[in-house]
Amino acid sequence: MNIHQYYPVDVVNGPGTRCTLFVAGCVHQCPGCYNKSTWRLNSGVAFTPEMAQKIIDDLNDTRVRRQGLSLSGGDPLHPQNVPDILKLVQRVRRECPGKDIWVWTGYKLDELTPQQMEVVSLINVLVDGKFVQDLRDPALIWRGSSNQVIHHLR
């Protein structure tokens, strides 16, 4: 998996103060996407074990309390990203008690594969659906267009 950006302290992508990771790779390529640079799977830089450890350490840092982890992109549920995303989410669940996990995806919840659902079974919130330029609404919180749904899973 490749990544584009990691924000160890973020207050925009989900509730509270969070760690946010933007991954590479998106098959949806929605017109009007604000993050086109993340579409190509081979763009960005490799996601390393050191980066995974940094995320865990940041989530557990008591000097700057984080509510949780946000995963965006690109698309964290792109089939080629799922194995690494699953490992990361499993580690967060195991090593960062009390932290929530939010995932943004262009896929709809009812069209996810069993492998994608394995990730979803471990997260708190899924924001699903493609960005639709004609349904864009800047007043929406945590989503770009009104067709996208915020699923509170746990």
N, C-alpha and C. Protein backbone atom coordinates (compact mmCIF):
# COMPACT_ATOMS: atom_id res chain seq x y z
N MET A 1 0.84 -1.18 0.00
CA MET A 1 0.00 0.00 0.00
C MET A 1 0.89 1.24 0.00
N ASN A 2 0.45 2.23 -0.72
CA ASN A 2 1.12 3.53 -0.70
C ASN A 2 0.25 4.55 0.01
N ILE A 3 0.90 5.56 0.55
CA ILE A 3 0.18 6.64 1.24
C ILE A 3 0.61 7.98 0.66
N HIS A 4 -0.24 8.96 0.86
CA HIS A 4 0.07 10.31 0.39
C HIS A 4 0.40 11.25 1.53
N GLN A 5 -0.35 11.15 2.61
CA GLN A 5 -0.18 12.11 3.69
C GLN A 5 -0.58 11.46 5.00
N TYR A 6 0.14 11.84 6.04
CA TYR A 6 -0.24 11.45 7.39
C TYR A 6 -0.23 12.70 8.25
N TYR A 7 -1.35 12.93 8.93
CA TYR A 7 -1.45 14.05 9.86
C TYR A 7 -1.54 13.48 11.27
N PRO A 8 -0.51 13.67 12.08
CA PRO A 8 -0.55 13.12 13.44
C PRO A 8 -1.53 13.85 14.35
N VAL A 9 -1.88 15.09 14.01
CA VAL A 9 -2.87 15.86 14.76
C VAL A 9 -3.79 16.52 13.73
N ASP A 10 -5.05 16.12 13.74
CA ASP A 10 -6.02 16.59 12.75
C ASP A 10 -7.35 16.83 13.44
N VAL A 11 -7.99 17.95 13.13
CA VAL A 11 -9.30 18.26 13.73
C VAL A 11 -10.37 18.43 12.66
N VAL A 12 -10.09 18.01 11.42
CA VAL A 12 -11.01 18.22 10.30
C VAL A 12 -11.69 16.93 9.87
N ASN A 13 -11.00 15.82 9.88
CA ASN A 13 -11.48 14.56 9.30
C ASN A 13 -12.07 13.63 10.36
N GLY A 14 -13.19 14.04 10.92
CA GLY A 14 -13.86 13.28 11.97
C GLY A 14 -13.90 14.08 13.25
N PRO A 15 -14.61 13.55 14.24
CA PRO A 15 -14.79 14.29 15.50
C PRO A 15 -13.54 14.29 16.38
N GLY A 16 -13.36 15.38 17.09
CA GLY A 16 -12.25 15.47 18.03
C GLY A 16 -10.91 15.61 17.34
N THR A 17 -9.87 15.46 18.12
CA THR A 17 -8.50 15.47 17.59
C THR A 17 -8.15 14.04 17.20
N ARG A 18 -7.58 13.88 15.99
CA ARG A 18 -7.40 12.55 15.42
C ARG A 18 -6.05 12.43 14.74
N CYS A 19 -5.68 11.21 14.41
CA CYS A 19 -4.62 10.91 13.46
C CYS A 19 -5.33 10.58 12.14
N THR A 20 -4.83 11.13 11.04
CA THR A 20 -5.47 10.90 9.74
C THR A 20 -4.44 10.44 8.72
N LEU A 21 -4.79 9.35 8.02
CA LEU A 21 -3.93 8.78 6.99
C LEU A 21 -4.67 8.79 5.66
N PHE A 22 -4.02 9.37 4.64
CA PHE A 22 -4.55 9.37 3.28
C PHE A 22 -3.77 8.36 2.46
N VAL A 23 -4.47 7.36 1.93
CA VAL A 23 -3.83 6.30 1.16
C VAL A 23 -3.95 6.56 -0.34
N ALA A 24 -3.16 5.85 -1.12
CA ALA A 24 -3.19 5.96 -2.58
C ALA A 24 -4.10 4.88 -3.15
N GLY A 25 -4.69 5.19 -4.30
CA GLY A 25 -5.48 4.21 -5.03
C GLY A 25 -6.97 4.42 -4.91
N CYS A 26 -7.60 4.75 -6.04
CA CYS A 26 -9.06 4.90 -6.06
C CYS A 26 -9.57 4.58 -7.46
N VAL A 27 -10.48 3.63 -7.54
CA VAL A 27 -11.06 3.25 -8.83
C VAL A 27 -12.24 4.14 -9.21
N HIS A 28 -12.77 4.89 -8.27
CA HIS A 28 -14.00 5.66 -8.50
C HIS A 28 -13.75 6.90 -9.35
N GLN A 29 -12.64 7.58 -9.08
CA GLN A 29 -12.23 8.77 -9.83
C GLN A 29 -13.40 9.72 -10.08
N CYS A 30 -14.02 10.14 -9.02
CA CYS A 30 -15.22 10.99 -9.07
C CYS A 30 -14.90 12.37 -9.65
N PRO A 31 -15.67 12.82 -10.63
CA PRO A 31 -15.51 14.20 -11.12
C PRO A 31 -15.69 15.18 -9.96
N GLY A 32 -14.76 16.12 -9.86
CA GLY A 32 -14.81 17.11 -8.79
C GLY A 32 -14.10 16.68 -7.51
N CYS A 33 -13.51 15.52 -7.51
CA CYS A 33 -12.78 15.04 -6.33
C CYS A 33 -11.72 16.06 -5.92
N TYR A 34 -11.62 16.32 -4.62
CA TYR A 34 -10.62 17.28 -4.14
C TYR A 34 -9.25 16.64 -3.96
N ASN A 35 -9.15 15.35 -4.17
CA ASN A 35 -7.91 14.65 -3.85
C ASN A 35 -7.46 13.75 -5.01
N LYS A 36 -7.49 14.29 -6.23
CA LYS A 36 -7.16 13.51 -7.42
C LYS A 36 -5.74 12.95 -7.39
N SER A 37 -4.85 13.59 -6.70
CA SER A 37 -3.46 13.13 -6.66
C SER A 37 -3.33 11.75 -6.03
N THR A 38 -4.36 11.30 -5.32
CA THR A 38 -4.30 10.00 -4.64
C THR A 38 -4.88 8.86 -5.47
N TRP A 39 -5.37 9.12 -6.67
CA TRP A 39 -6.06 8.08 -7.44
C TRP A 39 -5.17 6.92 -7.85
N ARG A 40 -3.94 7.20 -8.25
CA ARG A 40 -3.06 6.14 -8.75
C ARG A 40 -2.50 5.31 -7.59
N LEU A 41 -2.60 3.99 -7.72
CA LEU A 41 -2.11 3.09 -6.66
C LEU A 41 -0.62 3.25 -6.40
N ASN A 42 0.16 3.53 -7.44
CA ASN A 42 1.61 3.60 -7.28
C ASN A 42 2.09 5.01 -6.96
N SER A 43 1.17 5.93 -6.67
CA SER A 43 1.58 7.29 -6.30
C SER A 43 1.89 7.34 -4.81
N GLY A 44 2.48 8.43 -4.38
CA GLY A 44 2.82 8.58 -2.97
C GLY A 44 4.06 7.79 -2.60
N VAL A 45 4.10 7.38 -1.35
CA VAL A 45 5.24 6.62 -0.82
C VAL A 45 4.73 5.35 -0.14
N ALA A 46 5.63 4.39 0.01
CA ALA A 46 5.25 3.11 0.61
C ALA A 46 4.83 3.29 2.07
N PHE A 47 3.80 2.55 2.45
CA PHE A 47 3.39 2.46 3.85
C PHE A 47 4.30 1.44 4.52
N THR A 48 5.06 1.89 5.48
CA THR A 48 6.09 1.05 6.10
C THR A 48 5.68 0.60 7.51
N PRO A 49 6.34 -0.43 8.03
CA PRO A 49 6.11 -0.80 9.43
C PRO A 49 6.41 0.37 10.38
N GLU A 50 7.38 1.19 10.02
CA GLU A 50 7.71 2.35 10.86
C GLU A 50 6.55 3.34 10.90
N MET A 51 5.88 3.54 9.77
CA MET A 51 4.72 4.44 9.74
C MET A 51 3.57 3.86 10.56
N ALA A 52 3.35 2.57 10.44
CA ALA A 52 2.30 1.93 11.24
C ALA A 52 2.59 2.12 12.73
N GLN A 53 3.84 1.95 13.13
CA GLN A 53 4.21 2.12 14.53
C GLN A 53 4.03 3.57 14.96
N LYS A 54 4.37 4.53 14.10
CA LYS A 54 4.20 5.94 14.42
C LYS A 54 2.72 6.25 14.69
N ILE A 55 1.83 5.70 13.87
CA ILE A 55 0.40 5.91 14.07
C ILE A 55 -0.03 5.37 15.43
N ILE A 56 0.40 4.16 15.76
CA ILE A 56 0.06 3.56 17.06
C ILE A 56 0.61 4.42 18.19
N ASP A 57 1.86 4.84 18.07
CA ASP A 57 2.47 5.68 19.11
C ASP A 57 1.73 7.01 19.25
N ASP A 58 1.38 7.62 18.13
CA ASP A 58 0.66 8.90 18.19
C ASP A 58 -0.71 8.73 18.84
N LEU A 59 -1.42 7.66 18.49
CA LEU A 59 -2.73 7.42 19.09
C LEU A 59 -2.64 7.22 20.60
N ASN A 60 -1.53 6.68 21.06
CA ASN A 60 -1.33 6.43 22.49
C ASN A 60 -0.60 7.55 23.22
N ASP A 61 -0.23 8.61 22.53
CA ASP A 61 0.49 9.74 23.12
C ASP A 61 -0.45 10.51 24.06
N THR A 62 -0.09 10.56 25.32
CA THR A 62 -0.96 11.23 26.29
C THR A 62 -0.76 12.75 26.33
N ARG A 63 0.28 13.25 25.66
CA ARG A 63 0.50 14.70 25.64
C ARG A 63 -0.51 15.40 24.73
N VAL A 64 -0.88 14.74 23.63
CA VAL A 64 -1.92 15.25 22.73
C VAL A 64 -2.92 14.12 22.57
N ARG A 65 -4.01 14.20 23.29
CA ARG A 65 -4.99 13.12 23.27
C ARG A 65 -5.75 13.10 21.95
N ARG A 66 -5.78 11.93 21.35
CA ARG A 66 -6.53 11.74 20.10
C ARG A 66 -7.75 10.87 20.37
N GLN A 67 -8.85 11.24 19.72
CA GLN A 67 -10.08 10.44 19.82
C GLN A 67 -9.98 9.17 19.00
N GLY A 68 -9.22 9.26 17.87
CA GLY A 68 -9.11 8.07 17.06
C GLY A 68 -8.35 8.29 15.77
N LEU A 69 -8.57 7.34 14.84
CA LEU A 69 -7.89 7.30 13.57
C LEU A 69 -8.89 7.48 12.44
N SER A 70 -8.55 8.33 11.48
CA SER A 70 -9.34 8.51 10.26
C SER A 70 -8.54 7.99 9.07
N LEU A 71 -9.19 7.20 8.22
CA LEU A 71 -8.56 6.62 7.04
C LEU A 71 -9.30 7.10 5.81
N SER A 72 -8.59 7.79 4.92
CA SER A 72 -9.19 8.36 3.73
C SER A 72 -8.24 8.18 2.57
N GLY A 73 -8.45 8.91 1.51
CA GLY A 73 -7.55 8.73 0.38
C GLY A 73 -7.89 9.60 -0.80
N GLY A 74 -7.71 8.97 -1.96
CA GLY A 74 -7.71 7.58 -2.34
C GLY A 74 -8.90 6.86 -1.71
N ASP A 75 -8.75 5.57 -1.62
CA ASP A 75 -9.79 4.76 -1.00
C ASP A 75 -9.15 3.66 -0.16
N PRO A 76 -9.32 3.73 1.17
CA PRO A 76 -8.76 2.69 2.04
C PRO A 76 -9.29 1.30 1.72
N LEU A 77 -10.49 1.22 1.13
CA LEU A 77 -11.07 -0.08 0.82
C LEU A 77 -10.81 -0.53 -0.62
N HIS A 78 -9.91 0.17 -1.32
CA HIS A 78 -9.46 -0.34 -2.62
C HIS A 78 -8.93 -1.75 -2.37
N PRO A 79 -9.29 -2.71 -3.22
CA PRO A 79 -8.88 -4.10 -2.96
C PRO A 79 -7.40 -4.28 -2.66
N GLN A 80 -6.52 -3.52 -3.30
CA GLN A 80 -5.10 -3.68 -3.02
C GLN A 80 -4.67 -3.05 -1.69
N ASN A 81 -5.50 -2.16 -1.13
CA ASN A 81 -5.19 -1.55 0.16
C ASN A 81 -5.71 -2.36 1.34
N VAL A 82 -6.73 -3.17 1.09
CA VAL A 82 -7.43 -3.86 2.18
C VAL A 82 -6.49 -4.68 3.08
N PRO A 83 -5.53 -5.46 2.57
CA PRO A 83 -4.69 -6.23 3.48
C PRO A 83 -3.94 -5.37 4.49
N ASP A 84 -3.34 -4.26 4.03
CA ASP A 84 -2.59 -3.39 4.96
C ASP A 84 -3.53 -2.61 5.87
N ILE A 85 -4.65 -2.18 5.34
CA ILE A 85 -5.63 -1.46 6.17
C ILE A 85 -6.16 -2.39 7.26
N LEU A 86 -6.43 -3.64 6.91
CA LEU A 86 -6.92 -4.60 7.90
C LEU A 86 -5.89 -4.79 9.01
N LYS A 87 -4.63 -4.96 8.66
CA LYS A 87 -3.58 -5.12 9.69
C LYS A 87 -3.52 -3.89 10.60
N LEU A 88 -3.59 -2.70 9.99
CA LEU A 88 -3.52 -1.47 10.79
C LEU A 88 -4.72 -1.36 11.73
N VAL A 89 -5.90 -1.60 11.21
CA VAL A 89 -7.11 -1.51 12.03
C VAL A 89 -7.08 -2.54 13.17
N GLN A 90 -6.61 -3.74 12.87
CA GLN A 90 -6.48 -4.76 13.91
C GLN A 90 -5.52 -4.30 15.00
N ARG A 91 -4.41 -3.70 14.61
CA ARG A 91 -3.44 -3.20 15.59
C ARG A 91 -4.04 -2.09 16.44
N VAL A 92 -4.75 -1.16 15.80
CA VAL A 92 -5.37 -0.07 16.56
C VAL A 92 -6.35 -0.64 17.57
N ARG A 93 -7.17 -1.58 17.17
CA ARG A 93 -8.13 -2.22 18.09
C ARG A 93 -7.40 -2.87 19.26
N ARG A 94 -6.30 -3.54 18.95
CA ARG A 94 -5.57 -4.30 19.97
C ARG A 94 -4.73 -3.40 20.87
N GLU A 95 -4.09 -2.38 20.30
CA GLU A 95 -3.07 -1.62 21.03
C GLU A 95 -3.49 -0.22 21.46
N CYS A 96 -4.66 0.22 21.02
CA CYS A 96 -5.10 1.59 21.33
C CYS A 96 -6.53 1.56 21.87
N PRO A 97 -6.70 1.03 23.06
CA PRO A 97 -8.06 0.90 23.60
C PRO A 97 -8.77 2.25 23.69
N GLY A 98 -10.04 2.22 23.35
CA GLY A 98 -10.86 3.42 23.46
C GLY A 98 -10.80 4.35 22.26
N LYS A 99 -9.95 4.06 21.29
CA LYS A 99 -9.84 4.93 20.11
C LYS A 99 -10.85 4.47 19.06
N ASP A 100 -11.51 5.44 18.42
CA ASP A 100 -12.43 5.08 17.35
C ASP A 100 -11.75 5.14 15.99
N ILE A 101 -12.35 4.47 15.01
CA ILE A 101 -11.78 4.41 13.66
C ILE A 101 -12.88 4.79 12.67
N TRP A 102 -12.57 5.80 11.84
CA TRP A 102 -13.45 6.24 10.77
C TRP A 102 -12.79 5.91 9.43
N VAL A 103 -13.60 5.45 8.46
CA VAL A 103 -13.11 5.14 7.12
C VAL A 103 -14.02 5.80 6.09
N TRP A 104 -13.41 6.46 5.11
CA TRP A 104 -14.13 7.03 3.97
C TRP A 104 -13.87 6.15 2.75
N THR A 105 -14.93 5.80 2.02
CA THR A 105 -14.80 4.97 0.83
C THR A 105 -15.81 5.39 -0.23
N GLY A 106 -15.46 5.18 -1.48
CA GLY A 106 -16.39 5.42 -2.57
C GLY A 106 -17.34 4.26 -2.79
N TYR A 107 -17.02 3.10 -2.21
CA TYR A 107 -17.91 1.94 -2.31
C TYR A 107 -19.12 2.15 -1.40
N LYS A 108 -20.23 1.54 -1.73
CA LYS A 108 -21.42 1.53 -0.88
C LYS A 108 -21.33 0.32 0.04
N LEU A 109 -21.85 0.46 1.23
CA LEU A 109 -21.79 -0.60 2.24
C LEU A 109 -22.35 -1.92 1.69
N ASP A 110 -23.43 -1.86 0.94
CA ASP A 110 -24.06 -3.10 0.46
C ASP A 110 -23.36 -3.74 -0.73
N GLU A 111 -22.27 -3.13 -1.22
CA GLU A 111 -21.53 -3.73 -2.33
C GLU A 111 -20.12 -4.17 -1.95
N LEU A 112 -19.83 -4.16 -0.67
CA LEU A 112 -18.48 -4.51 -0.21
C LEU A 112 -18.25 -6.02 -0.29
N THR A 113 -17.01 -6.38 -0.60
CA THR A 113 -16.60 -7.79 -0.64
C THR A 113 -16.41 -8.30 0.79
N PRO A 114 -16.32 -9.62 0.96
CA PRO A 114 -16.05 -10.16 2.30
C PRO A 114 -14.75 -9.61 2.90
N GLN A 115 -13.72 -9.40 2.08
CA GLN A 115 -12.46 -8.86 2.59
C GLN A 115 -12.65 -7.42 3.08
N GLN A 116 -13.37 -6.62 2.32
CA GLN A 116 -13.65 -5.24 2.75
C GLN A 116 -14.50 -5.23 4.02
N MET A 117 -15.46 -6.14 4.09
CA MET A 117 -16.33 -6.22 5.27
C MET A 117 -15.55 -6.63 6.52
N GLU A 118 -14.46 -7.36 6.34
CA GLU A 118 -13.63 -7.71 7.49
C GLU A 118 -13.06 -6.44 8.13
N VAL A 119 -12.65 -5.48 7.30
CA VAL A 119 -12.19 -4.18 7.82
C VAL A 119 -13.36 -3.47 8.49
N VAL A 120 -14.49 -3.40 7.80
CA VAL A 120 -15.66 -2.66 8.30
C VAL A 120 -16.14 -3.22 9.63
N SER A 121 -15.98 -4.54 9.84
CA SER A 121 -16.43 -5.15 11.10
C SER A 121 -15.63 -4.64 12.30
N LEU A 122 -14.50 -4.00 12.05
CA LEU A 122 -13.63 -3.54 13.14
C LEU A 122 -13.65 -2.03 13.35
N ILE A 123 -14.36 -1.29 12.49
CA ILE A 123 -14.33 0.17 12.59
C ILE A 123 -15.60 0.69 13.26
N ASN A 124 -15.57 1.96 13.63
CA ASN A 124 -16.72 2.58 14.27
C ASN A 124 -17.66 3.26 13.29
N VAL A 125 -17.07 3.94 12.30
CA VAL A 125 -17.88 4.73 11.37
C VAL A 125 -17.36 4.54 9.96
N LEU A 126 -18.30 4.29 9.04
CA LEU A 126 -17.99 4.21 7.61
C LEU A 126 -18.77 5.32 6.91
N VAL A 127 -18.04 6.14 6.16
CA VAL A 127 -18.68 7.14 5.31
C VAL A 127 -18.56 6.59 3.90
N ASP A 128 -19.71 6.21 3.30
CA ASP A 128 -19.66 5.51 2.02
C ASP A 128 -20.30 6.31 0.90
N GLY A 129 -19.98 5.89 -0.31
CA GLY A 129 -20.56 6.47 -1.51
C GLY A 129 -19.60 7.38 -2.24
N LYS A 130 -19.75 7.39 -3.57
CA LYS A 130 -18.92 8.25 -4.40
C LYS A 130 -19.29 9.72 -4.18
N PHE A 131 -18.32 10.59 -4.37
CA PHE A 131 -18.61 12.01 -4.38
C PHE A 131 -19.32 12.34 -5.68
N VAL A 132 -20.46 13.03 -5.58
CA VAL A 132 -21.24 13.42 -6.76
C VAL A 132 -21.27 14.95 -6.81
N GLN A 133 -20.60 15.50 -7.82
CA GLN A 133 -20.45 16.95 -7.94
C GLN A 133 -21.81 17.68 -7.87
N ASP A 134 -22.82 17.16 -8.54
CA ASP A 134 -24.14 17.82 -8.55
C ASP A 134 -24.83 17.81 -7.19
N LEU A 135 -24.37 16.93 -6.29
CA LEU A 135 -24.95 16.84 -4.96
C LEU A 135 -24.02 17.43 -3.89
N ARG A 136 -22.98 18.13 -4.34
CA ARG A 136 -22.02 18.75 -3.43
C ARG A 136 -22.74 19.74 -2.53
N ASP A 137 -22.38 19.70 -1.24
CA ASP A 137 -22.98 20.60 -0.28
C ASP A 137 -21.94 20.95 0.78
N PRO A 138 -21.38 22.16 0.70
CA PRO A 138 -20.34 22.55 1.67
C PRO A 138 -20.83 22.60 3.12
N ALA A 139 -22.13 22.60 3.32
CA ALA A 139 -22.67 22.64 4.68
C ALA A 139 -22.65 21.27 5.35
N LEU A 140 -22.44 20.21 4.58
CA LEU A 140 -22.42 18.87 5.16
C LEU A 140 -21.17 18.68 6.00
N ILE A 141 -21.32 17.96 7.08
CA ILE A 141 -20.18 17.66 7.93
C ILE A 141 -19.66 16.26 7.60
N TRP A 142 -18.35 16.14 7.40
CA TRP A 142 -17.63 14.88 7.19
C TRP A 142 -18.00 14.16 5.90
N ARG A 143 -18.61 14.84 4.96
CA ARG A 143 -18.88 14.27 3.65
C ARG A 143 -19.03 15.40 2.66
N GLY A 144 -18.80 15.10 1.38
CA GLY A 144 -18.78 16.15 0.38
C GLY A 144 -20.07 16.31 -0.40
N SER A 145 -20.84 15.22 -0.54
CA SER A 145 -22.08 15.30 -1.31
C SER A 145 -23.19 14.56 -0.54
N SER A 146 -24.42 14.99 -0.80
CA SER A 146 -25.55 14.53 0.02
C SER A 146 -25.90 13.06 -0.18
N ASN A 147 -25.40 12.40 -1.21
CA ASN A 147 -25.64 10.97 -1.40
C ASN A 147 -24.79 10.12 -0.47
N GLN A 148 -23.71 10.66 0.03
CA GLN A 148 -22.83 9.90 0.90
C GLN A 148 -23.49 9.71 2.27
N VAL A 149 -23.29 8.53 2.84
CA VAL A 149 -23.98 8.16 4.09
C VAL A 149 -22.95 7.92 5.18
N ILE A 150 -23.22 8.44 6.36
CA ILE A 150 -22.39 8.19 7.54
C ILE A 150 -23.03 7.04 8.31
N HIS A 151 -22.37 5.90 8.33
CA HIS A 151 -22.86 4.71 9.02
C HIS A 151 -22.15 4.60 10.38
N HIS A 152 -22.89 4.77 11.47
CA HIS A 152 -22.33 4.57 12.82
C HIS A 152 -22.50 3.08 13.14
N LEU A 153 -21.40 2.37 13.14
CA LEU A 153 -21.44 0.90 13.21
C LEU A 153 -21.29 0.35 14.62
N ARG A 154 -20.67 1.07 15.50
CA ARG A 154 -20.48 0.62 16.88
C ARG A 154 -20.37 1.79 17.80
